[in-house]
Amino acid sequence: MEQLGVLDPAGQGRILSRILEYRRGRSVIWVLENNDLAERFEHVLVMENGRLAERGSVAELKQRGGALQLLLAAGG
């Protein structure tokens, strides 16, 4: 498994853009190390203690103020 965390944010974004373009119309499962990249996905699953805490679009989840909002506020 390759990790993009060793790249700067711009490099991570470029690689993710290329992968999403290549996989257009197909599902992509991605574990994010950079929260800013979550905006590029239609649907986000947020895990907490090994369980699904919430799911939906980033905009929906930010409005709810739940697990995703807590992660974003913590920077993790």
PDB file of N, CA and C in Angstrom:
ATOM      1  N   MET A   1       0.847  -1.163   0.000  1.00  0.00           N
ATOM      2  CA  MET A   1       0.000   0.000   0.000  1.00  0.00           C
ATOM      3  C   MET A   1       0.899   1.235   0.000  1.00  0.00           C
ATOM      4  N   GLU A   2       0.628   2.123  -0.915  1.00  0.00           N
ATOM      5  CA  GLU A   2       1.395   3.356  -1.019  1.00  0.00           C
ATOM      6  C   GLU A   2       0.765   4.425  -0.130  1.00  0.00           C
ATOM      7  N   GLN A   3       1.582   5.312   0.395  1.00  0.00           N
ATOM      8  CA  GLN A   3       1.083   6.397   1.225  1.00  0.00           C
ATOM      9  C   GLN A   3       1.441   7.733   0.602  1.00  0.00           C
ATOM     10  N   LEU A   4       0.435   8.571   0.496  1.00  0.00           N
ATOM     11  CA  LEU A   4       0.659   9.902  -0.066  1.00  0.00           C
ATOM     12  C   LEU A   4       1.103  10.891   0.997  1.00  0.00           C
ATOM     13  N   GLY A   5       1.061  10.490   2.265  1.00  0.00           N
ATOM     14  CA  GLY A   5       1.399  11.385   3.353  1.00  0.00           C
ATOM     15  C   GLY A   5       2.814  11.929   3.289  1.00  0.00           C
ATOM     16  N   VAL A   6       3.676  11.275   2.540  1.00  0.00           N
ATOM     17  CA  VAL A   6       5.052  11.759   2.424  1.00  0.00           C
ATOM     18  C   VAL A   6       5.157  12.919   1.433  1.00  0.00           C
ATOM     19  N   LEU A   7       4.102  13.155   0.673  1.00  0.00           N
ATOM     20  CA  LEU A   7       4.087  14.251  -0.303  1.00  0.00           C
ATOM     21  C   LEU A   7       3.482  15.507   0.307  1.00  0.00           C
ATOM     22  N   ASP A   8       3.812  16.648  -0.268  1.00  0.00           N
ATOM     23  CA  ASP A   8       3.181  17.893   0.166  1.00  0.00           C
ATOM     24  C   ASP A   8       1.716  17.880  -0.264  1.00  0.00           C
ATOM     25  N   PRO A   9       0.864  18.727   0.333  1.00  0.00           N
ATOM     26  CA  PRO A   9      -0.570  18.727   0.000  1.00  0.00           C
ATOM     27  C   PRO A   9      -0.862  18.899  -1.491  1.00  0.00           C
ATOM     28  N   ALA A  10      -0.096  19.729  -2.177  1.00  0.00           N
ATOM     29  CA  ALA A  10      -0.334  19.921  -3.617  1.00  0.00           C
ATOM     30  C   ALA A  10      -0.066  18.634  -4.383  1.00  0.00           C
ATOM     31  N   GLY A  11       0.989  17.936  -4.035  1.00  0.00           N
ATOM     32  CA  GLY A  11       1.315  16.663  -4.686  1.00  0.00           C
ATOM     33  C   GLY A  11       0.257  15.608  -4.411  1.00  0.00           C
ATOM     34  N   GLN A  12      -0.229  15.564  -3.179  1.00  0.00           N
ATOM     35  CA  GLN A  12      -1.303  14.626  -2.831  1.00  0.00           C
ATOM     36  C   GLN A  12      -2.538  14.902  -3.680  1.00  0.00           C
ATOM     37  N   GLY A  13      -2.877  16.181  -3.804  1.00  0.00           N
ATOM     38  CA  GLY A  13      -4.054  16.571  -4.585  1.00  0.00           C
ATOM     39  C   GLY A  13      -3.932  16.205  -6.044  1.00  0.00           C
ATOM     40  N   ARG A  14      -2.742  16.400  -6.620  1.00  0.00           N
ATOM     41  CA  ARG A  14      -2.536  16.058  -8.041  1.00  0.00           C
ATOM     42  C   ARG A  14      -2.684  14.556  -8.270  1.00  0.00           C
ATOM     43  N   ILE A  15      -2.111  13.762  -7.402  1.00  0.00           N
ATOM     44  CA  ILE A  15      -2.204  12.306  -7.565  1.00  0.00           C
ATOM     45  C   ILE A  15      -3.644  11.850  -7.392  1.00  0.00           C
ATOM     46  N   LEU A  16      -4.326  12.365  -6.369  1.00  0.00           N
ATOM     47  CA  LEU A  16      -5.723  11.991  -6.166  1.00  0.00           C
ATOM     48  C   LEU A  16      -6.570  12.385  -7.365  1.00  0.00           C
ATOM     49  N   SER A  17      -6.365  13.563  -7.910  1.00  0.00           N
ATOM     50  CA  SER A  17      -7.126  14.001  -9.089  1.00  0.00           C
ATOM     51  C   SER A  17      -6.942  13.038 -10.253  1.00  0.00           C
ATOM     52  N   ARG A  18      -5.728  12.616 -10.470  1.00  0.00           N
ATOM     53  CA  ARG A  18      -5.458  11.689 -11.576  1.00  0.00           C
ATOM     54  C   ARG A  18      -6.121  10.337 -11.350  1.00  0.00           C
ATOM     55  N   ILE A  19      -6.069   9.850 -10.125  1.00  0.00           N
ATOM     56  CA  ILE A  19      -6.706   8.562  -9.824  1.00  0.00           C
ATOM     57  C   ILE A  19      -8.211   8.662  -9.996  1.00  0.00           C
ATOM     58  N   LEU A  20      -8.821   9.728  -9.484  1.00  0.00           N
ATOM     59  CA  LEU A  20     -10.272   9.889  -9.619  1.00  0.00           C
ATOM     60  C   LEU A  20     -10.684  10.022 -11.076  1.00  0.00           C
ATOM     61  N   GLU A  21      -9.890  10.711 -11.865  1.00  0.00           N
ATOM     62  CA  GLU A  21     -10.186  10.844 -13.299  1.00  0.00           C
ATOM     63  C   GLU A  21     -10.100   9.467 -13.976  1.00  0.00           C
ATOM     64  N   TYR A  22      -9.073   8.721 -13.661  1.00  0.00           N
ATOM     65  CA  TYR A  22      -8.877   7.389 -14.245  1.00  0.00           C
ATOM     66  C   TYR A  22     -10.013   6.445 -13.859  1.00  0.00           C
ATOM     67  N   ARG A  23     -10.519   6.582 -12.640  1.00  0.00           N
ATOM     68  CA  ARG A  23     -11.570   5.693 -12.126  1.00  0.00           C
ATOM     69  C   ARG A  23     -12.969   6.293 -12.282  1.00  0.00           C
ATOM     70  N   ARG A  24     -13.107   7.342 -13.078  1.00  0.00           N
ATOM     71  CA  ARG A  24     -14.403   8.013 -13.240  1.00  0.00           C
ATOM     72  C   ARG A  24     -15.503   6.984 -13.533  1.00  0.00           C
ATOM     73  N   GLY A  25     -16.626   7.124 -12.814  1.00  0.00           N
ATOM     74  CA  GLY A  25     -17.752   6.227 -12.993  1.00  0.00           C
ATOM     75  C   GLY A  25     -17.628   4.935 -12.202  1.00  0.00           C
ATOM     76  N   ARG A  26     -16.524   4.764 -11.483  1.00  0.00           N
ATOM     77  CA  ARG A  26     -16.316   3.571 -10.665  1.00  0.00           C
ATOM     78  C   ARG A  26     -16.039   4.003  -9.225  1.00  0.00           C
ATOM     79  N   SER A  27     -16.262   3.103  -8.316  1.00  0.00           N
ATOM     80  CA  SER A  27     -16.037   3.411  -6.901  1.00  0.00           C
ATOM     81  C   SER A  27     -14.557   3.491  -6.576  1.00  0.00           C
ATOM     82  N   VAL A  28     -14.237   4.387  -5.671  1.00  0.00           N
ATOM     83  CA  VAL A  28     -12.882   4.530  -5.147  1.00  0.00           C
ATOM     84  C   VAL A  28     -12.999   4.582  -3.631  1.00  0.00           C
ATOM     85  N   ILE A  29     -12.278   3.715  -2.957  1.00  0.00           N
ATOM     86  CA  ILE A  29     -12.224   3.730  -1.504  1.00  0.00           C
ATOM     87  C   ILE A  29     -10.856   4.275  -1.128  1.00  0.00           C
ATOM     88  N   TRP A  30     -10.853   5.303  -0.298  1.00  0.00           N
ATOM     89  CA  TRP A  30      -9.605   6.000   0.016  1.00  0.00           C
ATOM     90  C   TRP A  30      -9.585   6.306   1.508  1.00  0.00           C
ATOM     91  N   VAL A  31      -8.486   6.006   2.157  1.00  0.00           N
ATOM     92  CA  VAL A  31      -8.299   6.371   3.557  1.00  0.00           C
ATOM     93  C   VAL A  31      -7.521   7.678   3.555  1.00  0.00           C
ATOM     94  N   LEU A  32      -8.133   8.720   4.084  1.00  0.00           N
ATOM     95  CA  LEU A  32      -7.534  10.049   4.002  1.00  0.00           C
ATOM     96  C   LEU A  32      -6.583  10.338   5.148  1.00  0.00           C
ATOM     97  N   GLU A  33      -5.454  10.884   4.779  1.00  0.00           N
ATOM     98  CA  GLU A  33      -4.513  11.406   5.764  1.00  0.00           C
ATOM     99  C   GLU A  33      -4.602  12.931   5.791  1.00  0.00           C
ATOM    100  N   ASN A  34      -5.181  13.489   4.744  1.00  0.00           N
ATOM    101  CA  ASN A  34      -5.314  14.937   4.599  1.00  0.00           C
ATOM    102  C   ASN A  34      -6.803  15.249   4.492  1.00  0.00           C
ATOM    103  N   ASN A  35      -7.360  15.863   5.529  1.00  0.00           N
ATOM    104  CA  ASN A  35      -8.802  16.140   5.564  1.00  0.00           C
ATOM    105  C   ASN A  35      -9.292  16.979   4.404  1.00  0.00           C
ATOM    106  N   ASP A  36      -8.441  17.852   3.881  1.00  0.00           N
ATOM    107  CA  ASP A  36      -8.853  18.716   2.783  1.00  0.00           C
ATOM    108  C   ASP A  36      -9.255  17.923   1.542  1.00  0.00           C
ATOM    109  N   LEU A  37      -8.749  16.716   1.403  1.00  0.00           N
ATOM    110  CA  LEU A  37      -9.063  15.898   0.226  1.00  0.00           C
ATOM    111  C   LEU A  37     -10.474  15.308   0.279  1.00  0.00           C
ATOM    112  N   ALA A  38     -11.088  15.289   1.444  1.00  0.00           N
ATOM    113  CA  ALA A  38     -12.431  14.708   1.588  1.00  0.00           C
ATOM    114  C   ALA A  38     -13.442  15.395   0.678  1.00  0.00           C
ATOM    115  N   GLU A  39     -13.257  16.681   0.424  1.00  0.00           N
ATOM    116  CA  GLU A  39     -14.180  17.447  -0.419  1.00  0.00           C
ATOM    117  C   GLU A  39     -14.279  16.883  -1.835  1.00  0.00           C
ATOM    118  N   ARG A  40     -13.306  16.128  -2.262  1.00  0.00           N
ATOM    119  CA  ARG A  40     -13.291  15.601  -3.632  1.00  0.00           C
ATOM    120  C   ARG A  40     -14.138  14.350  -3.815  1.00  0.00           C
ATOM    121  N   PHE A  41     -14.673  13.829  -2.731  1.00  0.00           N
ATOM    122  CA  PHE A  41     -15.463  12.597  -2.798  1.00  0.00           C
ATOM    123  C   PHE A  41     -16.943  12.902  -2.620  1.00  0.00           C
ATOM    124  N   GLU A  42     -17.772  12.162  -3.333  1.00  0.00           N
ATOM    125  CA  GLU A  42     -19.223  12.341  -3.241  1.00  0.00           C
ATOM    126  C   GLU A  42     -19.762  11.865  -1.904  1.00  0.00           C
ATOM    127  N   HIS A  43     -19.194  10.784  -1.408  1.00  0.00           N
ATOM    128  CA  HIS A  43     -19.714  10.126  -0.221  1.00  0.00           C
ATOM    129  C   HIS A  43     -18.554   9.819   0.716  1.00  0.00           C
ATOM    130  N   VAL A  44     -18.726  10.115   1.997  1.00  0.00           N
ATOM    131  CA  VAL A  44     -17.674   9.916   2.987  1.00  0.00           C
ATOM    132  C   VAL A  44     -18.203   9.022   4.093  1.00  0.00           C
ATOM    133  N   LEU A  45     -17.382   8.073   4.513  1.00  0.00           N
ATOM    134  CA  LEU A  45     -17.685   7.240   5.674  1.00  0.00           C
ATOM    135  C   LEU A  45     -16.731   7.659   6.779  1.00  0.00           C
ATOM    136  N   VAL A  46     -17.263   7.917   7.960  1.00  0.00           N
ATOM    137  CA  VAL A  46     -16.435   8.316   9.094  1.00  0.00           C
ATOM    138  C   VAL A  46     -16.450   7.179  10.110  1.00  0.00           C
ATOM    139  N   MET A  47     -15.259   6.689  10.425  1.00  0.00           N
ATOM    140  CA  MET A  47     -15.127   5.592  11.375  1.00  0.00           C
ATOM    141  C   MET A  47     -14.684   6.140  12.725  1.00  0.00           C
ATOM    142  N   GLU A  48     -15.216   5.523  13.786  1.00  0.00           N
ATOM    143  CA  GLU A  48     -14.851   5.895  15.144  1.00  0.00           C
ATOM    144  C   GLU A  48     -14.756   4.615  15.954  1.00  0.00           C
ATOM    145  N   ASN A  49     -13.605   4.368  16.528  1.00  0.00           N
ATOM    146  CA  ASN A  49     -13.394   3.156  17.334  1.00  0.00           C
ATOM    147  C   ASN A  49     -13.773   1.885  16.575  1.00  0.00           C
ATOM    148  N   GLY A  50     -13.432   1.839  15.285  1.00  0.00           N
ATOM    149  CA  GLY A  50     -13.678   0.657  14.477  1.00  0.00           C
ATOM    150  C   GLY A  50     -15.111   0.488  14.002  1.00  0.00           C
ATOM    151  N   ARG A  51     -15.944   1.468  14.218  1.00  0.00           N
ATOM    152  CA  ARG A  51     -17.356   1.398  13.800  1.00  0.00           C
ATOM    153  C   ARG A  51     -17.718   2.604  12.949  1.00  0.00           C
ATOM    154  N   LEU A  52     -18.702   2.401  12.094  1.00  0.00           N
ATOM    155  CA  LEU A  52     -19.187   3.492  11.260  1.00  0.00           C
ATOM    156  C   LEU A  52     -19.921   4.506  12.128  1.00  0.00           C
ATOM    157  N   ALA A  53     -19.396   5.724  12.175  1.00  0.00           N
ATOM    158  CA  ALA A  53     -20.001   6.772  12.995  1.00  0.00           C
ATOM    159  C   ALA A  53     -21.033   7.567  12.207  1.00  0.00           C
ATOM    160  N   GLU A  54     -20.713   7.858  10.943  1.00  0.00           N
ATOM    161  CA  GLU A  54     -21.653   8.589  10.090  1.00  0.00           C
ATOM    162  C   GLU A  54     -21.207   8.473   8.643  1.00  0.00           C
ATOM    163  N   ARG A  55     -22.134   8.791   7.756  1.00  0.00           N
ATOM    164  CA  ARG A  55     -21.828   8.765   6.325  1.00  0.00           C
ATOM    165  C   ARG A  55     -22.703   9.787   5.620  1.00  0.00           C
ATOM    166  N   GLY A  56     -22.183  10.246   4.477  1.00  0.00           N
ATOM    167  CA  GLY A  56     -22.901  11.237   3.686  1.00  0.00           C
ATOM    168  C   GLY A  56     -21.910  12.103   2.940  1.00  0.00           C
ATOM    169  N   SER A  57     -22.393  13.184   2.373  1.00  0.00           N
ATOM    170  CA  SER A  57     -21.486  14.107   1.697  1.00  0.00           C
ATOM    171  C   SER A  57     -20.760  14.929   2.762  1.00  0.00           C
ATOM    172  N   VAL A  58     -19.635  15.493   2.402  1.00  0.00           N
ATOM    173  CA  VAL A  58     -18.880  16.317   3.349  1.00  0.00           C
ATOM    174  C   VAL A  58     -19.742  17.488   3.824  1.00  0.00           C
ATOM    175  N   ALA A  59     -20.470  18.116   2.905  1.00  0.00           N
ATOM    176  CA  ALA A  59     -21.320  19.252   3.282  1.00  0.00           C
ATOM    177  C   ALA A  59     -22.376  18.835   4.304  1.00  0.00           C
ATOM    178  N   GLU A  60     -23.039  17.690   4.079  1.00  0.00           N
ATOM    179  CA  GLU A  60     -24.045  17.199   5.023  1.00  0.00           C
ATOM    180  C   GLU A  60     -23.434  16.942   6.397  1.00  0.00           C
ATOM    181  N   LEU A  61     -22.294  16.274   6.377  1.00  0.00           N
ATOM    182  CA  LEU A  61     -21.668  15.889   7.637  1.00  0.00           C
ATOM    183  C   LEU A  61     -21.143  17.095   8.408  1.00  0.00           C
ATOM    184  N   LYS A  62     -20.669  18.100   7.698  1.00  0.00           N
ATOM    185  CA  LYS A  62     -20.223  19.321   8.377  1.00  0.00           C
ATOM    186  C   LYS A  62     -21.398  20.016   9.053  1.00  0.00           C
ATOM    187  N   GLN A  63     -22.557  20.018   8.386  1.00  0.00           N
ATOM    188  CA  GLN A  63     -23.746  20.667   8.950  1.00  0.00           C
ATOM    189  C   GLN A  63     -24.237  19.959  10.203  1.00  0.00           C
ATOM    190  N   ARG A  64     -24.097  18.634  10.222  1.00  0.00           N
ATOM    191  CA  ARG A  64     -24.563  17.854  11.375  1.00  0.00           C
ATOM    192  C   ARG A  64     -23.753  18.126  12.629  1.00  0.00           C
ATOM    193  N   GLY A  65     -22.485  18.484  12.443  1.00  0.00           N
ATOM    194  CA  GLY A  65     -21.650  18.746  13.608  1.00  0.00           C
ATOM    195  C   GLY A  65     -21.282  17.496  14.384  1.00  0.00           C
ATOM    196  N   GLY A  66     -21.216  16.354  13.706  1.00  0.00           N
ATOM    197  CA  GLY A  66     -20.916  15.092  14.362  1.00  0.00           C
ATOM    198  C   GLY A  66     -19.456  14.709  14.296  1.00  0.00           C
ATOM    199  N   ALA A  67     -19.221  13.442  14.039  1.00  0.00           N
ATOM    200  CA  ALA A  67     -17.870  12.871  14.061  1.00  0.00           C
ATOM    201  C   ALA A  67     -16.923  13.528  13.061  1.00  0.00           C
ATOM    202  N   LEU A  68     -17.384  13.788  11.845  1.00  0.00           N
ATOM    203  CA  LEU A  68     -16.508  14.419  10.852  1.00  0.00           C
ATOM    204  C   LEU A  68     -16.122  15.832  11.312  1.00  0.00           C
ATOM    205  N   GLN A  69     -17.070  16.575  11.794  1.00  0.00           N
ATOM    206  CA  GLN A  69     -16.777  17.934  12.252  1.00  0.00           C
ATOM    207  C   GLN A  69     -15.761  17.918  13.385  1.00  0.00           C
ATOM    208  N   LEU A  70     -15.850  16.940  14.264  1.00  0.00           N
ATOM    209  CA  LEU A  70     -14.886  16.822  15.363  1.00  0.00           C
ATOM    210  C   LEU A  70     -13.481  16.499  14.814  1.00  0.00           C
ATOM    211  N   LEU A  71     -13.420  15.615  13.827  1.00  0.00           N
ATOM    212  CA  LEU A  71     -12.119  15.285  13.210  1.00  0.00           C
ATOM    213  C   LEU A  71     -11.511  16.495  12.531  1.00  0.00           C
ATOM    214  N   LEU A  72     -12.329  17.225  11.787  1.00  0.00           N
ATOM    215  CA  LEU A  72     -11.828  18.402  11.091  1.00  0.00           C
ATOM    216  C   LEU A  72     -11.335  19.460  12.083  1.00  0.00           C
ATOM    217  N   ALA A  73     -12.068  19.647  13.150  1.00  0.00           N
ATOM    218  CA  ALA A  73     -11.671  20.632  14.158  1.00  0.00           C
ATOM    219  C   ALA A  73     -10.377  20.241  14.857  1.00  0.00           C
ATOM    220  N   ALA A  74     -10.164  18.924  15.001  1.00  0.00           N
ATOM    221  CA  ALA A  74      -8.952  18.424  15.662  1.00  0.00           C
ATOM    222  C   ALA A  74      -7.784  18.350  14.716  1.00  0.00           C
ATOM    223  N   GLY A  75      -8.064  18.538  13.417  1.00  0.00           N
ATOM    224  CA  GLY A  75      -6.988  18.451  12.419  1.00  0.00           C
ATOM    225  C   GLY A  75      -6.611  17.033  12.089  1.00  0.00           C
ATOM    226  N   GLY A  76      -7.436  16.054  12.446  1.00  0.00           N
ATOM    227  CA  GLY A  76      -7.088  14.659  12.204  1.00  0.00           C
ATOM    228  C   GLY A  76      -8.098  13.983  11.398  1.00  0.00           C
TER     229      GLY A  76
END
